[in-house]
Amino acid sequence: MKPEKILVRATNWVGDVVMSMPAVTAIRKNFPGSHITVLVKPPMHELFVGNPAVNEIIVFDRKGEYRGPAGIARLARELRRRRFDRAILLQNAFEAALITFLANIPVRMGYNTDGRGILLNMGVKVSEETRRKHQVFYYLDMLDALGIKAGYSAPKLYVGKPESEWAAGLLKSHGITSRDLIAGINPGAQYGVAKRWHPERFGQVADSLAKKDGAKVIIFGGHGDIATAGAVQASMKGQALNLAGKTTIRELMALIKNCRLFITNDTGPMHIAAALGVPTLAVFGSTDHIATAPHGNGHKVVREPVNCSPCLKRTCPDKSYICMERVTAASVIRAAREMLGDRVG
């Protein structure tokens, strides 16, 4: 196949980006000699650094130089000058199709979502079969439907030497080495409180691992998770290194890679951990574990089936949060011990 200049519009959320990585890999396999450019918003661009499937990253900063309608027009002009042959839209929004249309990219491919079908000359519908699968296949099935043989590969992220050395230095400064059993705790979730298990129960799990196996506990989270992470730390009897709100995505990746076990809600860092090959234990309540569980082998989901789950709501309609309430600390501790095997007694 003749080499092309291909623009891939990436998705906008950490978990979605990670789950779309197999599609990016498939695009590279189908267009081995082509120049593949990813268009992505910050800070999601950090997830693509070091990915061998990608030649170039364009950071689409809607709060900076591409702000407002004038910014969109500016971006379209810049893309037009680059003379892309093809645009593959992993993001579903109308805006993604509009930008590539204004950029005069001759082949515009993606799902016919958000009323944008008129702007795509190669659009496909989302099948009911695809809707019942894990979200990794949402993107792969789109490529297949568009005539791009997707195949399958697991989501994968790449941590570079600078981040690895930074992480090792930070951990060492807190008395943590590569010989330690490091347990990551990720108690936040950006989508809403319905996705968040109780902070004090995360604390109970962390205390159990620290006491019974000498685990060194690190609490992770973004800026929006600082209060929740603080509540976990305050509930603990033992010590924990609280890094919520203190890391970039690249730094977060490097630190998570050092974990022996990552215990989390259904959220972006959960997918990062799984893509880095870290055994991931996820607590699910309001969201669909079939669609968004940590993908790959060696991971585990803890949930308690209730009639109203998955509701996919940000907050519980009756305020009971019964799906999370029924998940006990004991059940998560038991699952953690199964994953760690004999190292936890």
C-alpha atoms as a PDB file:
ATOM      1  CA  MET A   1       0.000   0.000   0.000  1.00  0.00           C
ATOM      2  CA  LYS A   2       1.273   3.432  -0.955  1.00  0.00           C
ATOM      3  CA  PRO A   3       2.497   5.445   2.072  1.00  0.00           C
ATOM      4  CA  GLU A   4       0.073   8.123   3.181  1.00  0.00           C
ATOM      5  CA  LYS A   5      -0.096  11.011   5.582  1.00  0.00           C
ATOM      6  CA  ILE A   6      -2.702   9.922   8.109  1.00  0.00           C
ATOM      7  CA  LEU A   7      -4.318  12.030  10.821  1.00  0.00           C
ATOM      8  CA  VAL A   8      -5.786  10.151  13.781  1.00  0.00           C
ATOM      9  CA  ARG A   9      -8.118  12.153  16.021  1.00  0.00           C
ATOM     10  CA  ALA A  10      -7.691  10.644  19.464  1.00  0.00           C
ATOM     11  CA  THR A  11     -10.293  10.487  22.205  1.00  0.00           C
ATOM     12  CA  ASN A  12     -10.461  12.951  25.103  1.00  0.00           C
ATOM     13  CA  TRP A  13     -10.375  10.905  28.315  1.00  0.00           C
ATOM     14  CA  VAL A  14      -7.587   8.833  29.826  1.00  0.00           C
ATOM     15  CA  GLY A  15      -9.492   5.560  29.866  1.00  0.00           C
ATOM     16  CA  ASP A  16     -10.834   6.033  26.345  1.00  0.00           C
ATOM     17  CA  VAL A  17      -7.367   6.854  25.017  1.00  0.00           C
ATOM     18  CA  VAL A  18      -5.869   3.747  26.597  1.00  0.00           C
ATOM     19  CA  MET A  19      -8.669   1.516  25.314  1.00  0.00           C
ATOM     20  CA  SER A  20      -8.194   2.926  21.803  1.00  0.00           C
ATOM     21  CA  MET A  21      -4.469   2.124  21.708  1.00  0.00           C
ATOM     22  CA  PRO A  22      -5.004  -1.271  20.015  1.00  0.00           C
ATOM     23  CA  ALA A  23      -6.763   0.605  17.208  1.00  0.00           C
ATOM     24  CA  VAL A  24      -3.762   2.925  16.824  1.00  0.00           C
ATOM     25  CA  THR A  25      -1.517  -0.139  16.643  1.00  0.00           C
ATOM     26  CA  ALA A  26      -3.813  -1.661  14.023  1.00  0.00           C
ATOM     27  CA  ILE A  27      -3.657   1.501  11.918  1.00  0.00           C
ATOM     28  CA  ARG A  28       0.133   1.291  11.927  1.00  0.00           C
ATOM     29  CA  LYS A  29       0.051  -2.380  10.913  1.00  0.00           C
ATOM     30  CA  ASN A  30      -2.246  -1.571   8.003  1.00  0.00           C
ATOM     31  CA  PHE A  31      -0.203   1.447   6.887  1.00  0.00           C
ATOM     32  CA  PRO A  32       3.378   0.428   7.768  1.00  0.00           C
ATOM     33  CA  GLY A  33       5.181   3.059   5.718  1.00  0.00           C
ATOM     34  CA  SER A  34       2.796   5.929   6.341  1.00  0.00           C
ATOM     35  CA  HIS A  35       3.329   9.022   8.470  1.00  0.00           C
ATOM     36  CA  ILE A  36       0.814   8.822  11.311  1.00  0.00           C
ATOM     37  CA  THR A  37      -0.015  12.001  13.206  1.00  0.00           C
ATOM     38  CA  VAL A  38      -2.213  11.993  16.300  1.00  0.00           C
ATOM     39  CA  LEU A  39      -4.370  15.034  17.041  1.00  0.00           C
ATOM     40  CA  VAL A  40      -5.113  15.036  20.766  1.00  0.00           C
ATOM     41  CA  LYS A  41      -6.007  17.397  23.581  1.00  0.00           C
ATOM     42  CA  PRO A  42      -3.691  18.013  26.536  1.00  0.00           C
ATOM     43  CA  PRO A  43      -2.766  16.307  28.749  1.00  0.00           C
ATOM     44  CA  MET A  44      -3.862  13.171  26.884  1.00  0.00           C
ATOM     45  CA  HIS A  45      -0.950  13.668  24.488  1.00  0.00           C
ATOM     46  CA  GLU A  46       1.343  12.342  27.218  1.00  0.00           C
ATOM     47  CA  LEU A  47      -0.154   8.879  26.757  1.00  0.00           C
ATOM     48  CA  PHE A  48       1.180   8.720  23.179  1.00  0.00           C
ATOM     49  CA  VAL A  49       4.790   9.642  23.984  1.00  0.00           C
ATOM     50  CA  GLY A  50       7.116   6.795  23.023  1.00  0.00           C
ATOM     51  CA  ASN A  51       4.448   4.882  21.088  1.00  0.00           C
ATOM     52  CA  PRO A  52       6.172   3.346  18.034  1.00  0.00           C
ATOM     53  CA  ALA A  53       2.912   3.446  16.050  1.00  0.00           C
ATOM     54  CA  VAL A  54       2.935   7.242  16.063  1.00  0.00           C
ATOM     55  CA  ASN A  55       5.265   9.552  14.114  1.00  0.00           C
ATOM     56  CA  GLU A  56       3.972  12.901  15.345  1.00  0.00           C
ATOM     57  CA  ILE A  57       1.675  14.407  17.973  1.00  0.00           C
ATOM     58  CA  ILE A  58      -0.290  17.619  17.466  1.00  0.00           C
ATOM     59  CA  VAL A  59      -1.573  18.999  20.765  1.00  0.00           C
ATOM     60  CA  PHE A  60      -5.062  20.445  20.282  1.00  0.00           C
ATOM     61  CA  ASP A  61      -5.257  22.957  23.136  1.00  0.00           C
ATOM     62  CA  ARG A  62      -8.772  24.403  23.188  1.00  0.00           C
ATOM     63  CA  LYS A  63      -7.809  26.756  26.034  1.00  0.00           C
ATOM     64  CA  GLY A  64      -4.770  28.097  24.219  1.00  0.00           C
ATOM     65  CA  GLU A  65      -4.011  28.799  20.572  1.00  0.00           C
ATOM     66  CA  TYR A  66      -7.011  26.829  19.299  1.00  0.00           C
ATOM     67  CA  ARG A  67      -9.559  28.495  21.534  1.00  0.00           C
ATOM     68  CA  GLY A  68     -13.020  29.266  20.151  1.00  0.00           C
ATOM     69  CA  PRO A  69     -14.220  29.324  16.524  1.00  0.00           C
ATOM     70  CA  ALA A  70     -11.149  31.301  15.429  1.00  0.00           C
ATOM     71  CA  GLY A  71      -8.918  28.650  16.956  1.00  0.00           C
ATOM     72  CA  ILE A  72     -10.783  25.865  15.175  1.00  0.00           C
ATOM     73  CA  ALA A  73     -10.372  27.731  11.872  1.00  0.00           C
ATOM     74  CA  ARG A  74      -6.658  28.190  12.576  1.00  0.00           C
ATOM     75  CA  LEU A  75      -6.204  24.486  13.286  1.00  0.00           C
ATOM     76  CA  ALA A  76      -8.065  23.547  10.092  1.00  0.00           C
ATOM     77  CA  ARG A  77      -5.800  25.832   8.051  1.00  0.00           C
ATOM     78  CA  GLU A  78      -2.694  24.295   9.587  1.00  0.00           C
ATOM     79  CA  LEU A  79      -3.922  20.787   8.866  1.00  0.00           C
ATOM     80  CA  ARG A  80      -4.825  21.765   5.304  1.00  0.00           C
ATOM     81  CA  ARG A  81      -1.250  22.938   4.701  1.00  0.00           C
ATOM     82  CA  ARG A  82       0.032  19.529   5.820  1.00  0.00           C
ATOM     83  CA  ARG A  83      -1.963  17.820   3.029  1.00  0.00           C
ATOM     84  CA  PHE A  84      -3.151  14.752   4.901  1.00  0.00           C
ATOM     85  CA  ASP A  85      -4.469  11.927   2.721  1.00  0.00           C
ATOM     86  CA  ARG A  86      -6.743  10.380   5.314  1.00  0.00           C
ATOM     87  CA  ALA A  87      -8.318  11.159   8.691  1.00  0.00           C
ATOM     88  CA  ILE A  88      -9.393   8.365  11.031  1.00  0.00           C
ATOM     89  CA  LEU A  89     -11.629   9.667  13.816  1.00  0.00           C
ATOM     90  CA  LEU A  90     -11.514   7.642  17.006  1.00  0.00           C
ATOM     91  CA  GLN A  91     -13.336  10.470  18.748  1.00  0.00           C
ATOM     92  CA  ASN A  92     -17.085  10.539  18.149  1.00  0.00           C
ATOM     93  CA  ALA A  93     -17.770  14.290  18.247  1.00  0.00           C
ATOM     94  CA  PHE A  94     -19.160  16.412  15.423  1.00  0.00           C
ATOM     95  CA  GLU A  95     -16.248  18.829  15.887  1.00  0.00           C
ATOM     96  CA  ALA A  96     -13.705  16.154  14.949  1.00  0.00           C
ATOM     97  CA  ALA A  97     -15.394  15.623  11.586  1.00  0.00           C
ATOM     98  CA  LEU A  98     -15.863  19.362  11.032  1.00  0.00           C
ATOM     99  CA  ILE A  99     -12.162  20.108  11.527  1.00  0.00           C
ATOM    100  CA  THR A 100     -11.075  17.430   9.059  1.00  0.00           C
ATOM    101  CA  PHE A 101     -13.731  18.588   6.569  1.00  0.00           C
ATOM    102  CA  LEU A 102     -12.509  22.191   6.820  1.00  0.00           C
ATOM    103  CA  ALA A 103      -8.942  20.898   6.477  1.00  0.00           C
ATOM    104  CA  ASN A 104      -9.942  19.401   3.123  1.00  0.00           C
ATOM    105  CA  ILE A 105      -8.686  15.943   4.036  1.00  0.00           C
ATOM    106  CA  PRO A 106     -10.018  13.817   1.154  1.00  0.00           C
ATOM    107  CA  VAL A 107     -10.784  10.612   3.101  1.00  0.00           C
ATOM    108  CA  ARG A 108     -12.603  11.106   6.420  1.00  0.00           C
ATOM    109  CA  MET A 109     -13.401   7.915   8.336  1.00  0.00           C
ATOM    110  CA  GLY A 110     -15.276   7.237  11.555  1.00  0.00           C
ATOM    111  CA  TYR A 111     -18.524   6.342  13.248  1.00  0.00           C
ATOM    112  CA  ASN A 112     -21.665   8.151  12.068  1.00  0.00           C
ATOM    113  CA  THR A 113     -22.277   9.652  15.506  1.00  0.00           C
ATOM    114  CA  ASP A 114     -23.260  13.082  16.775  1.00  0.00           C
ATOM    115  CA  GLY A 115     -24.990  14.002  13.505  1.00  0.00           C
ATOM    116  CA  ARG A 116     -21.711  14.188  11.608  1.00  0.00           C
ATOM    117  CA  GLY A 117     -22.394  11.611   8.910  1.00  0.00           C
ATOM    118  CA  ILE A 118     -22.694  14.276   6.221  1.00  0.00           C
ATOM    119  CA  LEU A 119     -19.088  15.341   6.902  1.00  0.00           C
ATOM    120  CA  LEU A 120     -17.687  11.815   6.566  1.00  0.00           C
ATOM    121  CA  ASN A 121     -17.200  10.126   3.212  1.00  0.00           C
ATOM    122  CA  MET A 122     -16.455   6.795   4.922  1.00  0.00           C
ATOM    123  CA  GLY A 123     -18.803   6.525   7.882  1.00  0.00           C
ATOM    124  CA  VAL A 124     -20.173   3.442   9.653  1.00  0.00           C
ATOM    125  CA  LYS A 125     -22.840   2.797  12.254  1.00  0.00           C
ATOM    126  CA  VAL A 126     -22.150   1.332  15.673  1.00  0.00           C
ATOM    127  CA  SER A 127     -23.561  -2.198  15.654  1.00  0.00           C
ATOM    128  CA  GLU A 128     -25.547  -3.648  18.534  1.00  0.00           C
ATOM    129  CA  GLU A 129     -22.986  -6.454  18.748  1.00  0.00           C
ATOM    130  CA  THR A 130     -20.210  -3.904  19.248  1.00  0.00           C
ATOM    131  CA  ARG A 131     -22.180  -2.176  22.009  1.00  0.00           C
ATOM    132  CA  ARG A 132     -22.185  -5.430  23.980  1.00  0.00           C
ATOM    133  CA  LYS A 133     -18.389  -5.832  23.882  1.00  0.00           C
ATOM    134  CA  HIS A 134     -15.518  -4.379  25.834  1.00  0.00           C
ATOM    135  CA  GLN A 135     -14.774  -0.841  24.692  1.00  0.00           C
ATOM    136  CA  VAL A 136     -11.413  -1.919  23.258  1.00  0.00           C
ATOM    137  CA  PHE A 137     -13.451  -3.530  20.469  1.00  0.00           C
ATOM    138  CA  TYR A 138     -15.525  -0.400  19.928  1.00  0.00           C
ATOM    139  CA  TYR A 139     -12.553   1.098  18.090  1.00  0.00           C
ATOM    140  CA  LEU A 140     -11.299  -2.134  16.517  1.00  0.00           C
ATOM    141  CA  ASP A 141     -14.750  -2.971  15.128  1.00  0.00           C
ATOM    142  CA  MET A 142     -14.924   0.496  13.574  1.00  0.00           C
ATOM    143  CA  LEU A 143     -11.683  -0.135  11.702  1.00  0.00           C
ATOM    144  CA  ASP A 144     -12.897  -3.529  10.522  1.00  0.00           C
ATOM    145  CA  ALA A 145     -16.128  -1.996   9.254  1.00  0.00           C
ATOM    146  CA  LEU A 146     -14.087   0.614   7.377  1.00  0.00           C
ATOM    147  CA  GLY A 147     -12.001  -2.054   5.656  1.00  0.00           C
ATOM    148  CA  ILE A 148      -8.946  -1.671   7.884  1.00  0.00           C
ATOM    149  CA  LYS A 149      -8.061  -5.125   9.218  1.00  0.00           C
ATOM    150  CA  ALA A 150      -7.812  -4.570  12.925  1.00  0.00           C
ATOM    151  CA  GLY A 151      -6.827  -7.900  14.403  1.00  0.00           C
ATOM    152  CA  TYR A 152      -6.221  -7.665  18.138  1.00  0.00           C
ATOM    153  CA  SER A 153      -3.540  -6.430  20.481  1.00  0.00           C
ATOM    154  CA  ALA A 154      -3.774  -5.498  24.132  1.00  0.00           C
ATOM    155  CA  PRO A 155      -3.610  -1.831  25.163  1.00  0.00           C
ATOM    156  CA  LYS A 156      -0.009  -0.845  25.785  1.00  0.00           C
ATOM    157  CA  LEU A 157       1.704   2.278  27.099  1.00  0.00           C
ATOM    158  CA  TYR A 158       5.373   3.208  27.068  1.00  0.00           C
ATOM    159  CA  VAL A 159       7.383   4.570  29.985  1.00  0.00           C
ATOM    160  CA  GLY A 160      10.704   6.153  29.059  1.00  0.00           C
ATOM    161  CA  LYS A 161      14.014   6.185  30.871  1.00  0.00           C
ATOM    162  CA  PRO A 162      13.688   9.798  32.165  1.00  0.00           C
ATOM    163  CA  GLU A 163      10.353   9.072  33.861  1.00  0.00           C
ATOM    164  CA  SER A 164      11.587   5.750  35.209  1.00  0.00           C
ATOM    165  CA  GLU A 165      14.640   7.369  36.773  1.00  0.00           C
ATOM    166  CA  TRP A 166      12.534  10.189  38.194  1.00  0.00           C
ATOM    167  CA  ALA A 167      10.113   7.703  39.764  1.00  0.00           C
ATOM    168  CA  ALA A 168      12.919   5.611  41.255  1.00  0.00           C
ATOM    169  CA  GLY A 169      14.456   8.725  42.766  1.00  0.00           C
ATOM    170  CA  LEU A 170      11.178   9.901  44.261  1.00  0.00           C
ATOM    171  CA  LEU A 171      10.422   6.520  45.782  1.00  0.00           C
ATOM    172  CA  LYS A 172      13.941   6.222  47.158  1.00  0.00           C
ATOM    173  CA  SER A 173      13.560   9.610  48.862  1.00  0.00           C
ATOM    174  CA  HIS A 174      10.584   8.144  50.712  1.00  0.00           C
ATOM    175  CA  GLY A 175      12.366   4.939  51.669  1.00  0.00           C
ATOM    176  CA  ILE A 176      10.765   2.783  48.967  1.00  0.00           C
ATOM    177  CA  THR A 177      12.860   0.559  46.690  1.00  0.00           C
ATOM    178  CA  SER A 178      12.221  -1.885  43.855  1.00  0.00           C
ATOM    179  CA  ARG A 179      12.487  -4.729  46.372  1.00  0.00           C
ATOM    180  CA  ASP A 180       9.397  -3.539  48.234  1.00  0.00           C
ATOM    181  CA  LEU A 181       5.895  -4.746  47.577  1.00  0.00           C
ATOM    182  CA  ILE A 182       4.256  -1.515  46.474  1.00  0.00           C
ATOM    183  CA  ALA A 183       0.464  -1.323  46.598  1.00  0.00           C
ATOM    184  CA  GLY A 184      -1.147   1.503  44.660  1.00  0.00           C
ATOM    185  CA  ILE A 185      -4.470   2.875  45.885  1.00  0.00           C
ATOM    186  CA  ASN A 186      -6.536   4.955  43.464  1.00  0.00           C
ATOM    187  CA  PRO A 187      -9.730   6.080  45.259  1.00  0.00           C
ATOM    188  CA  GLY A 188     -10.954   8.848  42.954  1.00  0.00           C
ATOM    189  CA  ALA A 189     -13.072   8.951  39.806  1.00  0.00           C
ATOM    190  CA  GLN A 190     -13.745  12.013  37.687  1.00  0.00           C
ATOM    191  CA  TYR A 191     -17.101  10.970  36.250  1.00  0.00           C
ATOM    192  CA  GLY A 192     -18.977  11.199  39.548  1.00  0.00           C
ATOM    193  CA  VAL A 193     -19.394   9.953  43.105  1.00  0.00           C
ATOM    194  CA  ALA A 194     -21.337   6.868  41.959  1.00  0.00           C
ATOM    195  CA  LYS A 195     -18.039   5.386  40.708  1.00  0.00           C
ATOM    196  CA  ARG A 196     -16.215   5.941  44.017  1.00  0.00           C
ATOM    197  CA  TRP A 197     -15.939   3.238  46.619  1.00  0.00           C
ATOM    198  CA  HIS A 198     -15.805   4.409  50.247  1.00  0.00           C
ATOM    199  CA  PRO A 199     -12.456   6.059  51.149  1.00  0.00           C
ATOM    200  CA  GLU A 200     -12.368   4.407  54.579  1.00  0.00           C
ATOM    201  CA  ARG A 201     -12.681   0.989  52.954  1.00  0.00           C
ATOM    202  CA  PHE A 202      -9.762   1.746  50.667  1.00  0.00           C
ATOM    203  CA  GLY A 203      -7.945   2.666  53.886  1.00  0.00           C
ATOM    204  CA  GLN A 204      -8.845  -0.664  55.494  1.00  0.00           C
ATOM    205  CA  VAL A 205      -7.529  -2.560  52.477  1.00  0.00           C
ATOM    206  CA  ALA A 206      -4.300  -0.544  52.488  1.00  0.00           C
ATOM    207  CA  ASP A 207      -3.795  -1.118  56.218  1.00  0.00           C
ATOM    208  CA  SER A 208      -4.331  -4.861  55.807  1.00  0.00           C
ATOM    209  CA  LEU A 209      -1.728  -5.131  53.045  1.00  0.00           C
ATOM    210  CA  ALA A 210       0.753  -3.006  54.975  1.00  0.00           C
ATOM    211  CA  LYS A 211       0.312  -4.949  58.227  1.00  0.00           C
ATOM    212  CA  LYS A 212       0.223  -8.489  56.867  1.00  0.00           C
ATOM    213  CA  ASP A 213       2.796  -8.251  54.112  1.00  0.00           C
ATOM    214  CA  GLY A 214       4.730  -5.081  54.755  1.00  0.00           C
ATOM    215  CA  ALA A 215       3.381  -3.407  51.640  1.00  0.00           C
ATOM    216  CA  LYS A 216       4.384   0.169  50.977  1.00  0.00           C
ATOM    217  CA  VAL A 217       1.208   2.076  50.123  1.00  0.00           C
ATOM    218  CA  ILE A 218       1.033   4.880  47.564  1.00  0.00           C
ATOM    219  CA  ILE A 219      -2.202   6.843  47.087  1.00  0.00           C
ATOM    220  CA  PHE A 220      -2.728   8.146  43.556  1.00  0.00           C
ATOM    221  CA  GLY A 221      -5.135  10.612  42.007  1.00  0.00           C
ATOM    222  CA  GLY A 222      -5.537  13.777  39.986  1.00  0.00           C
ATOM    223  CA  HIS A 223      -6.183  17.312  41.208  1.00  0.00           C
ATOM    224  CA  GLY A 224      -9.872  16.533  41.564  1.00  0.00           C
ATOM    225  CA  ASP A 225      -9.114  13.571  43.821  1.00  0.00           C
ATOM    226  CA  ILE A 226      -7.072  15.371  46.470  1.00  0.00           C
ATOM    227  CA  ALA A 227      -9.874  15.456  49.049  1.00  0.00           C
ATOM    228  CA  THR A 228     -10.771  11.800  48.483  1.00  0.00           C
ATOM    229  CA  ALA A 229      -7.131  10.724  48.711  1.00  0.00           C
ATOM    230  CA  GLY A 230      -6.772  12.733  51.905  1.00  0.00           C
ATOM    231  CA  ALA A 231      -9.798  10.953  53.369  1.00  0.00           C
ATOM    232  CA  VAL A 232      -8.205   7.577  52.596  1.00  0.00           C
ATOM    233  CA  GLN A 233      -4.956   8.603  54.265  1.00  0.00           C
ATOM    234  CA  ALA A 234      -6.756  10.045  57.307  1.00  0.00           C
ATOM    235  CA  SER A 235      -8.681   6.785  57.786  1.00  0.00           C
ATOM    236  CA  MET A 236      -5.535   4.666  57.807  1.00  0.00           C
ATOM    237  CA  LYS A 237      -3.757   3.465  60.916  1.00  0.00           C
ATOM    238  CA  GLY A 238      -0.525   2.961  58.989  1.00  0.00           C
ATOM    239  CA  GLN A 239       1.553   5.158  56.711  1.00  0.00           C
ATOM    240  CA  ALA A 240       0.996   5.988  53.069  1.00  0.00           C
ATOM    241  CA  LEU A 241       2.684   8.176  50.482  1.00  0.00           C
ATOM    242  CA  ASN A 242      -0.053  10.459  49.144  1.00  0.00           C
ATOM    243  CA  LEU A 243       0.754  11.714  45.633  1.00  0.00           C
ATOM    244  CA  ALA A 244      -2.745  12.793  44.579  1.00  0.00           C
ATOM    245  CA  GLY A 245      -2.580  15.937  42.475  1.00  0.00           C
ATOM    246  CA  LYS A 246       1.213  15.942  42.459  1.00  0.00           C
ATOM    247  CA  THR A 247       2.073  14.146  39.220  1.00  0.00           C
ATOM    248  CA  THR A 248       1.786  14.569  35.486  1.00  0.00           C
ATOM    249  CA  ILE A 249       0.388  11.678  33.456  1.00  0.00           C
ATOM    250  CA  ARG A 250       3.921  10.597  32.473  1.00  0.00           C
ATOM    251  CA  GLU A 251       5.017  10.652  36.115  1.00  0.00           C
ATOM    252  CA  LEU A 252       1.887   8.789  37.150  1.00  0.00           C
ATOM    253  CA  MET A 253       2.631   6.089  34.593  1.00  0.00           C
ATOM    254  CA  ALA A 254       6.196   5.669  35.810  1.00  0.00           C
ATOM    255  CA  LEU A 255       5.108   5.377  39.439  1.00  0.00           C
ATOM    256  CA  ILE A 256       2.264   2.957  38.709  1.00  0.00           C
ATOM    257  CA  LYS A 257       4.669   0.718  36.801  1.00  0.00           C
ATOM    258  CA  ASN A 258       6.504   0.141  40.094  1.00  0.00           C
ATOM    259  CA  CYS A 259       3.388  -1.237  41.798  1.00  0.00           C
ATOM    260  CA  ARG A 260       2.954  -4.925  42.523  1.00  0.00           C
ATOM    261  CA  LEU A 261      -0.800  -4.404  42.812  1.00  0.00           C
ATOM    262  CA  PHE A 262      -3.075  -1.491  41.880  1.00  0.00           C
ATOM    263  CA  ILE A 263      -6.430  -1.176  43.665  1.00  0.00           C
ATOM    264  CA  THR A 264      -8.809   1.275  42.082  1.00  0.00           C
ATOM    265  CA  ASN A 265     -12.243   2.429  41.051  1.00  0.00           C
ATOM    266  CA  ASP A 266     -13.301   2.343  37.396  1.00  0.00           C
ATOM    267  CA  THR A 267     -11.279   5.310  36.186  1.00  0.00           C
ATOM    268  CA  GLY A 268      -8.437   6.384  33.887  1.00  0.00           C
ATOM    269  CA  PRO A 269      -5.495   5.257  36.051  1.00  0.00           C
ATOM    270  CA  MET A 270      -7.109   1.808  36.231  1.00  0.00           C
ATOM    271  CA  HIS A 271      -6.634   1.488  32.466  1.00  0.00           C
ATOM    272  CA  ILE A 272      -3.104   2.908  32.692  1.00  0.00           C
ATOM    273  CA  ALA A 273      -2.140   0.252  35.255  1.00  0.00           C
ATOM    274  CA  ALA A 274      -3.605  -2.575  33.179  1.00  0.00           C
ATOM    275  CA  ALA A 275      -1.875  -1.315  30.011  1.00  0.00           C
ATOM    276  CA  LEU A 276       1.434  -1.270  31.884  1.00  0.00           C
ATOM    277  CA  GLY A 277       0.956  -4.901  32.906  1.00  0.00           C
ATOM    278  CA  VAL A 278       0.406  -4.129  36.597  1.00  0.00           C
ATOM    279  CA  PRO A 279      -2.067  -6.546  38.260  1.00  0.00           C
ATOM    280  CA  THR A 280      -5.163  -4.398  38.706  1.00  0.00           C
ATOM    281  CA  LEU A 281      -8.011  -4.928  41.170  1.00  0.00           C
ATOM    282  CA  ALA A 282     -11.012  -2.772  40.299  1.00  0.00           C
ATOM    283  CA  VAL A 283     -14.141  -2.030  42.334  1.00  0.00           C
ATOM    284  CA  PHE A 284     -17.193  -1.611  40.080  1.00  0.00           C
ATOM    285  CA  GLY A 285     -20.623  -0.311  40.978  1.00  0.00           C
ATOM    286  CA  SER A 286     -22.573   1.999  38.688  1.00  0.00           C
ATOM    287  CA  THR A 287     -20.542   1.325  35.553  1.00  0.00           C
ATOM    288  CA  ASP A 288     -20.454  -1.640  33.184  1.00  0.00           C
ATOM    289  CA  HIS A 289     -17.653  -4.077  33.955  1.00  0.00           C
ATOM    290  CA  ILE A 290     -18.203  -5.844  30.633  1.00  0.00           C
ATOM    291  CA  ALA A 291     -17.460  -2.627  28.718  1.00  0.00           C
ATOM    292  CA  THR A 292     -14.738  -0.994  30.792  1.00  0.00           C
ATOM    293  CA  ALA A 293     -13.073  -3.535  33.103  1.00  0.00           C
ATOM    294  CA  PRO A 294      -9.261  -3.480  33.158  1.00  0.00           C
ATOM    295  CA  HIS A 295      -8.380  -5.221  29.903  1.00  0.00           C
ATOM    296  CA  GLY A 296      -5.973  -8.105  29.672  1.00  0.00           C
ATOM    297  CA  ASN A 297      -4.878 -11.032  31.814  1.00  0.00           C
ATOM    298  CA  GLY A 298      -4.126 -11.010  35.522  1.00  0.00           C
ATOM    299  CA  HIS A 299      -6.719  -8.424  36.560  1.00  0.00           C
ATOM    300  CA  LYS A 300      -9.793  -8.798  38.739  1.00  0.00           C
ATOM    301  CA  VAL A 301     -13.098  -6.990  39.268  1.00  0.00           C
ATOM    302  CA  VAL A 302     -14.945  -6.913  42.589  1.00  0.00           C
ATOM    303  CA  ARG A 303     -18.628  -6.042  42.377  1.00  0.00           C
ATOM    304  CA  GLU A 304     -21.933  -6.951  43.974  1.00  0.00           C
ATOM    305  CA  PRO A 305     -24.706  -7.449  41.404  1.00  0.00           C
ATOM    306  CA  VAL A 306     -27.808  -5.370  42.076  1.00  0.00           C
ATOM    307  CA  ASN A 307     -30.853  -4.842  39.865  1.00  0.00           C
ATOM    308  CA  CYS A 308     -30.070  -1.191  39.118  1.00  0.00           C
ATOM    309  CA  SER A 309     -26.435  -1.718  38.113  1.00  0.00           C
ATOM    310  CA  PRO A 310     -24.991  -0.676  35.749  1.00  0.00           C
ATOM    311  CA  CYS A 311     -26.958   2.576  35.726  1.00  0.00           C
ATOM    312  CA  LEU A 312     -24.078   4.649  34.292  1.00  0.00           C
ATOM    313  CA  LYS A 313     -25.173   7.657  36.357  1.00  0.00           C
ATOM    314  CA  ARG A 314     -22.919  10.184  38.077  1.00  0.00           C
ATOM    315  CA  THR A 315     -24.909  10.071  41.299  1.00  0.00           C
ATOM    316  CA  CYS A 316     -27.256   7.452  42.721  1.00  0.00           C
ATOM    317  CA  PRO A 317     -30.910   8.371  42.016  1.00  0.00           C
ATOM    318  CA  ASP A 318     -32.091   7.146  45.425  1.00  0.00           C
ATOM    319  CA  LYS A 319     -28.872   8.188  47.221  1.00  0.00           C
ATOM    320  CA  SER A 320     -28.320   4.663  48.565  1.00  0.00           C
ATOM    321  CA  TYR A 321     -25.269   3.815  46.412  1.00  0.00           C
ATOM    322  CA  ILE A 322     -26.198   0.228  47.152  1.00  0.00           C
ATOM    323  CA  CYS A 323     -23.868  -1.166  44.461  1.00  0.00           C
ATOM    324  CA  MET A 324     -20.863   0.309  46.262  1.00  0.00           C
ATOM    325  CA  GLU A 325     -22.260  -0.101  49.767  1.00  0.00           C
ATOM    326  CA  ARG A 326     -22.416  -3.867  49.342  1.00  0.00           C
ATOM    327  CA  VAL A 327     -18.743  -4.163  48.341  1.00  0.00           C
ATOM    328  CA  THR A 328     -16.994  -4.799  51.652  1.00  0.00           C
ATOM    329  CA  ALA A 329     -13.388  -4.191  52.566  1.00  0.00           C
ATOM    330  CA  ALA A 330     -13.122  -7.911  53.378  1.00  0.00           C
ATOM    331  CA  SER A 331     -14.111  -8.894  49.835  1.00  0.00           C
ATOM    332  CA  VAL A 332     -11.497  -6.604  48.300  1.00  0.00           C
ATOM    333  CA  ILE A 333      -8.819  -7.768  50.746  1.00  0.00           C
ATOM    334  CA  ARG A 334      -9.656 -11.369  49.860  1.00  0.00           C
ATOM    335  CA  ALA A 335      -9.337 -10.610  46.144  1.00  0.00           C
ATOM    336  CA  ALA A 336      -6.049  -8.774  46.712  1.00  0.00           C
ATOM    337  CA  ARG A 337      -4.635 -11.763  48.559  1.00  0.00           C
ATOM    338  CA  GLU A 338      -5.664 -14.081  45.753  1.00  0.00           C
ATOM    339  CA  MET A 339      -3.843 -11.860  43.277  1.00  0.00           C
ATOM    340  CA  LEU A 340      -0.720 -11.586  45.389  1.00  0.00           C
ATOM    341  CA  GLY A 341      -0.709 -15.290  46.190  1.00  0.00           C
ATOM    342  CA  ASP A 342       1.463 -16.574  48.972  1.00  0.00           C
ATOM    343  CA  ARG A 343       3.106 -13.197  49.564  1.00  0.00           C
ATOM    344  CA  VAL A 344       0.088 -12.084  51.559  1.00  0.00           C
ATOM    345  CA  GLY A 345      -0.869 -14.355  54.420  1.00  0.00           C
END
